Amino acid sequence: MSKEGDYDVELTTSDGQKKTVQVHVLKNHTAVNVHDSTIYVGDKWEAKDNFDSAVDKDGQDVDLKDIIVNDSQKNTEQVGSFDVTYTYEGITSTAKVTVKENQASINVHDSTIYVGDKWEAKDNFDSAIAKDGHKLSFNELKVDDHEKNTSKKGSFKVTYSYEGITSTSTITVKEKPINSQEKYKVVVQYLDEDGNKISDSVTLTGKEGEAYHTEAKKIKGYTLTKEPKNKEGKFTKDSQSVTYVYARKESGNEDAIETTGRSENHSGNSRNKPIPSSTKSYPKTGEETNNLLSAIGVALLVLISGVLIFLKRKKNETND
């Protein structure tokens, strides 16, 4: 009886009597449902990946653990295919697993940058291909750049991943090279408390990273009141300004102007000498008056001496 339904069955007893009974045949619901699939060389695969469902005779669900699985042909390490059978209470289903070449790849490169340079993960990305051979965009990848640090010398790694494929690039961060030829300026200014210029400024030049040193001038009629914090430092690509501030003296004699700004070159044995001031020292008003009187006195003395000598000679000539 292979079909569901009611059937009359004639039975014969041991004493030869015959009896007819009715048998009700139920439908056998046993089934195992699986599906075929395609994977790529090296992919992880398990029998449960191709199993869908199973039921017993009464239509109740059956777990995979109660099913007999035969995956003895399994081989995911080379291109080809293999069959897997799933059996339960005489019912067997077969799934075919096709293994294709895995074309997945992520191509990146290492690089070198300098401290402070702008950098993004896509700078080191070249190309990427999925398992089936289609091209991937950078945005489809998972990027881990948590080690990123471009603010100091060193290196960091960045990983690029897609469906189990990972590539890593190394970024080396170097100190910025110093331009050994180009020179940079430091301008030294001498101002009064109102910001007015009271002496010629001094311009120092040097290569990036070299040290400079400045000093205050002695300026007639003024006293230094404020020294700048950056009176010493190093030359940089940006122009720098060093300002000395002075106040006017009330009275008294003042010294002549002296210029003492200089720069130091630590990359060689040369040293810039102090720049001489273009301002000369002049005599004070009192000194000019004294000098004039002295000159007049000397002139009168010479004149009187000349007259006396003349008169003496005249007298001698008369006596002769």
Foldseek 3Di string as FASTA:
>chain_A
DQDFAKDWDWDADPVGDIDIDIDGHDAFPWDWDFEAEEEEAPDDDDPVVGGDWTAGRVRHTDDQVQWDKDFVVDDRHDFAKGKMWTDDPHYIDIYIYGYHHFPWDWDFEAEEEEAPDDDDPCVGGDWTAGRVGHTDDQVQWDKDFVVDDRHDFDKGKMWTDDPPDIDMYMYGYHHDDWDQPDKAKEKEFEEEPVRHGDFDIDIAIDGFPFKWAADDKFDWQKDWDDFFPVNIDGGHPDYHYGYTYIYGDPDDGGDHIAGATWTDGPVDDDTDGTDGGPDDDDDDPVVVVVVVVVVVVVVVVVVVVVVVVVVVVVVVVVVD
